[in-house]
C-alpha cells in the first residue's frame, strides 16, 4: 500500500479529536498537517448554551418579550424601507376603539370584565400608535424608545400575573 493512502497512528491525549489533512502533492518529505480540536466546548459556548436552554424552557413566560423585540425590529425595517408605512398603520389605533364598541354591543359586560376590555383596548391603542409612529419616524426617535420599554414592561408584567392566576 502506498504511503499516501496509509494512515499513520499519532498518539494524542484522551478526549482530543484529531483531523489529519493528507500531504500535498510534490512535497513527499514534509510532515502532514494535524489539526487538534479539544472535545470540551469553550466557556463562551457553554454560557450561550446555558442561556439558550434557559430561554427555551421559559419561552411561554417570555412571549411578550419576544413579540416586543420582533415589533421593534419590524418597525425599524419598515422605517428603513418605507417611512410612509406609518400612515398605513395609523388606522389600527382607531380600530381598537371600534373593537371595544363592537364587543360591548355584542356581549355587554360590567365590572371587572368591562375594566379588562377597556384596559386591553387602551393598551392595544398605545401599541398601535407606537408602531405607526415608530414605522414613520424610527423606533428610537424621541420618546418612542421609552414608550416601547414601558409598553414591554407592562405587557410582560401583566402576562406573568395573568398566567400565575390561571
Protein backbone atom coordinates (compact mmCIF):
# COMPACT_ATOMS: atom_id res chain seq x y z
CA UNK A 1 0.00 0.00 0.00
CA UNK A 2 1.48 3.39 -0.90
CA UNK A 3 2.36 5.69 1.97
CA UNK A 4 -0.03 8.41 0.79
CA UNK A 5 -3.12 6.31 1.43
CA UNK A 6 -1.96 4.53 4.56
CA UNK A 7 -2.99 6.16 7.85
CA UNK A 8 -0.32 6.76 10.44
CA UNK A 9 -1.09 6.42 14.11
CA UNK A 10 -0.39 9.59 16.04
CA UNK A 11 -0.60 9.48 19.81
CA UNK A 12 -2.96 12.08 21.25
CA UNK A 13 -4.30 12.81 24.69
CA UNK A 14 -7.57 11.31 25.85
CA UNK A 15 -10.63 13.35 24.90
CA UNK A 16 -8.97 15.05 21.92
CA UNK A 17 -10.14 14.58 18.35
CA UNK A 18 -7.59 14.87 15.58
CA UNK A 19 -8.21 15.54 11.94
CA UNK A 20 -5.45 14.62 9.51
CA UNK A 21 -5.06 16.58 6.33
CA UNK A 22 -3.29 14.44 3.72
CA UNK A 23 0.03 15.55 2.27
CA UNK A 24 0.05 17.84 -0.67
CA UNK A 25 1.48 16.61 -3.94
CA UNK A 26 5.05 17.41 -4.65
CA UNK A 27 6.32 17.60 -1.08
CA UNK A 28 6.80 13.96 -0.07
CA UNK A 29 9.22 14.70 2.74
CA UNK A 30 7.02 17.26 4.52
CA UNK A 31 5.08 16.11 7.53
CA UNK A 32 1.26 16.13 7.30
CA UNK A 33 -0.74 18.88 8.99
CA UNK A 34 -2.51 17.83 12.15
CA UNK A 35 -5.39 19.91 13.49
CA UNK A 36 -6.22 19.25 17.13
CA UNK A 37 -9.74 20.08 18.27
CA UNK A 38 -10.48 19.86 22.00
CA UNK A 39 -13.52 17.83 22.99
CA UNK A 40 -14.71 20.27 25.63
CA UNK A 41 -16.54 23.37 24.35
CA UNK A 42 -15.28 26.82 25.22
CA UNK A 43 -16.63 28.83 28.15
CA UNK A 44 -18.41 31.18 25.74
CA UNK A 45 -20.17 28.27 24.06
CA UNK A 46 -21.16 26.85 27.45
CA UNK A 47 -22.58 30.23 28.53
CA UNK A 48 -24.51 30.68 25.28
CA UNK A 49 -25.83 27.12 25.53
CA UNK A 50 -26.99 27.73 29.09
CA UNK A 51 -28.69 30.98 28.06
CA UNK A 52 -30.35 29.30 25.09
CA UNK A 53 -31.63 26.38 27.18
CA UNK A 54 -32.95 28.78 29.83
CA UNK A 55 -34.76 30.90 27.25
CA UNK A 56 -36.20 27.78 25.63
CA UNK A 57 -37.62 26.45 28.90
CA UNK A 58 -39.12 29.86 29.71
CA UNK A 59 -40.37 30.57 26.19
CA UNK A 60 -44.05 30.75 27.16
CA UNK A 61 -43.40 33.06 30.07
CA UNK A 62 -41.31 35.35 27.85
CA UNK A 63 -43.76 35.55 24.94
CA UNK A 64 -44.36 39.33 25.33
CA UNK A 65 -40.61 39.93 25.31
CA UNK A 66 -40.23 38.09 22.02
CA UNK A 67 -43.14 39.97 20.49
CA UNK A 68 -41.77 43.31 21.71
CA UNK A 69 -38.35 42.65 20.21
CA UNK A 70 -39.99 41.47 16.99
CA UNK A 71 -42.11 44.65 16.86
CA UNK A 72 -39.01 46.78 17.38
CA UNK A 73 -37.17 45.01 14.56
CA UNK A 74 -40.14 45.11 12.17
CA UNK A 75 -40.80 48.82 12.73
CA UNK A 76 -37.10 49.57 12.26
CA UNK A 77 -37.18 47.63 8.99
CA UNK A 78 -40.38 49.39 7.88
CA UNK A 79 -38.84 52.77 8.69
CA UNK A 80 -35.70 51.93 6.75
CA UNK A 81 -37.52 50.59 3.70
CA UNK A 82 -40.69 52.69 3.52
CA UNK A 83 -41.05 55.52 6.07
CA UNK A 84 -44.59 56.27 4.85
CA UNK A 85 -45.72 52.84 6.17
CA UNK A 86 -46.58 54.58 9.44
CA UNK A 87 -49.54 56.13 7.65
CA UNK A 88 -50.80 52.67 6.76
CA UNK A 89 -50.52 51.51 10.39
CA UNK A 90 -52.18 54.60 11.90
CA UNK A 91 -55.82 53.48 11.34
CA UNK A 92 -55.19 50.44 13.54
CA UNK A 93 -55.16 52.80 16.51
CA UNK A 94 -58.78 53.75 15.87
CA UNK A 95 -59.69 50.12 15.20
CA UNK A 96 -59.11 49.28 18.86
CA UNK A 97 -61.86 51.70 19.93
CA UNK A 98 -64.16 50.25 17.28
CA UNK A 99 -63.37 46.77 18.62
CA UNK A 100 -64.36 47.82 22.13
CA UNK A 101 -67.69 49.26 20.92
CA UNK A 102 -68.40 46.17 18.82
CA UNK A 103 -67.68 43.74 21.65
CA UNK A 104 -69.69 45.75 24.17
CA UNK A 105 -72.73 45.81 21.89
CA UNK A 106 -72.48 42.15 21.05
CA UNK A 107 -71.77 40.90 24.58
CA UNK A 108 -72.38 43.61 27.18
CA UNK A 109 -70.18 43.38 30.27
CA UNK A 110 -69.86 45.12 33.60
CA UNK A 111 -67.40 45.18 36.43
CA UNK A 112 -64.04 43.55 36.03
CA UNK A 113 -64.78 42.17 32.56
CA UNK A 114 -65.52 45.67 31.28
CA UNK A 115 -62.40 47.00 33.03
CA UNK A 116 -60.27 44.30 31.36
CA UNK A 117 -61.77 45.13 27.97
CA UNK A 118 -61.12 48.85 28.38
CA UNK A 119 -57.59 48.18 29.61
CA UNK A 120 -56.91 45.87 26.70
CA UNK A 121 -58.31 48.40 24.21
CA UNK A 122 -56.20 51.22 25.66
CA UNK A 123 -53.09 49.04 25.68
CA UNK A 124 -53.72 47.97 22.08
CA UNK A 125 -54.28 51.60 21.05
CA UNK A 126 -50.99 52.65 22.65
CA UNK A 127 -49.20 49.75 20.96
CA UNK A 128 -50.69 50.52 17.54
CA UNK A 129 -49.90 54.22 17.90
CA UNK A 130 -46.32 53.38 18.85
CA UNK A 131 -45.99 51.05 15.85
CA UNK A 132 -47.30 53.72 13.48
CA UNK A 133 -45.01 56.39 14.89
CA UNK A 134 -42.02 54.04 15.02
CA UNK A 135 -42.53 53.00 11.40
CA UNK A 136 -42.79 56.64 10.39
CA UNK A 137 -40.06 58.24 12.48
CA UNK A 138 -37.92 55.30 13.59
CA UNK A 139 -38.32 53.18 16.73
CA UNK A 140 -35.60 55.04 18.63
CA UNK A 141 -36.72 58.58 17.76
CA UNK A 142 -37.57 60.89 20.65
CA UNK A 143 -39.60 59.26 23.42
CA UNK A 144 -40.57 56.24 21.33
CA UNK A 145 -37.89 54.06 22.89
CA UNK A 146 -39.18 54.90 26.38
CA UNK A 147 -42.75 54.16 25.29
CA UNK A 148 -41.57 50.82 23.87
CA UNK A 149 -39.81 50.00 27.13
CA UNK A 150 -42.82 50.90 29.29
CA UNK A 151 -45.21 49.02 26.99
CA UNK A 152 -42.98 45.95 27.06
CA UNK A 153 -42.64 46.11 30.83
CA UNK A 154 -46.41 46.44 31.28
CA UNK A 155 -47.17 43.58 28.89
CA UNK A 156 -44.58 41.27 30.43
CA UNK A 157 -45.76 42.01 33.98
CA UNK A 158 -49.43 41.57 33.12
CA UNK A 159 -48.63 38.36 31.24
CA UNK A 160 -46.82 36.85 34.20
CA UNK A 161 -49.59 37.88 36.64
CA UNK A 162 -52.39 36.54 34.45
CA UNK A 163 -50.53 33.27 33.80
CA UNK A 164 -49.95 32.75 37.50
CA UNK A 165 -53.62 33.25 38.44
CA UNK A 166 -54.96 30.87 35.80
